[in-house]
Amino acid sequence: MAYVISDACISCGACAADCPVEAISEGDGKYVIDADACIECGACESTCPVGAPSQA
C-alpha cells in the first residue's frame, strides 16, 4: 500500500529529497505522494522530522 502524507507535514522537503523514485512533490500546503509512483520503500517515513508520511 502506498504511503500518504498527513496534515502534520511542515513542508520541509526532506521526504521529497530522499524519495528514490521522485514520487513526492509539493502540494497545496503540504507535500503529496503519487500513489502510482510510490514503491513503498519507507525512505520518506524514516526521513521526516514530524512523522507525516505513513502507509495508507
Protein backbone atom coordinates (compact mmCIF):
# COMPACT_ATOMS: atom_id res chain seq x y z
CA MET A 1 0.00 0.00 0.00
CA ALA A 2 1.41 3.39 -0.99
CA TYR A 3 2.46 5.99 1.55
CA VAL A 4 0.45 9.15 2.23
CA ILE A 5 1.47 12.39 3.95
CA SER A 6 -0.71 13.64 6.81
CA ASP A 7 -1.61 17.20 7.69
CA ALA A 8 1.29 17.13 10.20
CA CYS A 9 3.56 17.93 7.21
CA ILE A 10 5.63 21.08 7.77
CA SER A 11 6.65 21.36 4.08
CA CYS A 12 10.38 20.98 4.79
CA GLY A 13 11.00 18.85 1.68
CA ALA A 14 13.14 16.23 3.43
CA CYS A 15 10.93 13.41 2.20
CA ALA A 16 11.00 14.58 -1.43
CA ALA A 17 14.79 14.80 -1.38
CA ASP A 18 15.09 11.20 -0.16
CA CYS A 19 12.47 9.59 -2.43
CA PRO A 20 14.35 7.30 -4.86
CA VAL A 21 11.58 7.42 -7.49
CA GLU A 22 10.65 11.12 -7.16
CA ALA A 23 7.07 10.26 -6.18
CA ILE A 24 6.80 13.19 -3.76
CA SER A 25 6.02 16.74 -4.81
CA GLU A 26 4.98 19.98 -3.17
CA GLY A 27 1.22 20.23 -2.95
CA ASP A 28 -1.14 22.88 -1.60
CA GLY A 29 0.12 23.47 1.94
CA LYS A 30 1.91 20.12 2.28
CA TYR A 31 3.83 17.58 0.24
CA VAL A 32 1.94 14.80 -1.55
CA ILE A 33 2.88 11.32 -2.74
CA ASP A 34 1.91 9.97 -6.17
CA ALA A 35 0.45 6.58 -5.20
CA ASP A 36 1.10 5.17 -8.69
CA ALA A 37 4.81 6.03 -8.50
CA CYS A 38 5.38 5.09 -4.83
CA ILE A 39 7.39 1.87 -4.41
CA GLU A 40 6.65 1.63 -0.66
CA CYS A 41 10.32 1.76 0.33
CA GLY A 42 9.75 3.81 3.50
CA ALA A 43 12.55 6.33 2.83
CA CYS A 44 10.12 9.23 3.33
CA GLU A 45 8.86 7.90 6.64
CA SER A 46 12.33 7.48 8.12
CA THR A 47 13.46 10.94 6.95
CA CYS A 48 10.51 13.07 8.06
CA PRO A 49 11.19 15.07 11.25
CA VAL A 50 7.48 15.08 12.22
CA GLY A 51 6.43 11.60 11.07
CA ALA A 52 3.95 12.84 8.47
CA PRO A 53 4.37 10.02 5.89
CA SER A 54 2.76 6.67 6.71
CA GLN A 55 1.30 3.75 4.83
CA ALA A 56 -2.31 4.31 3.81
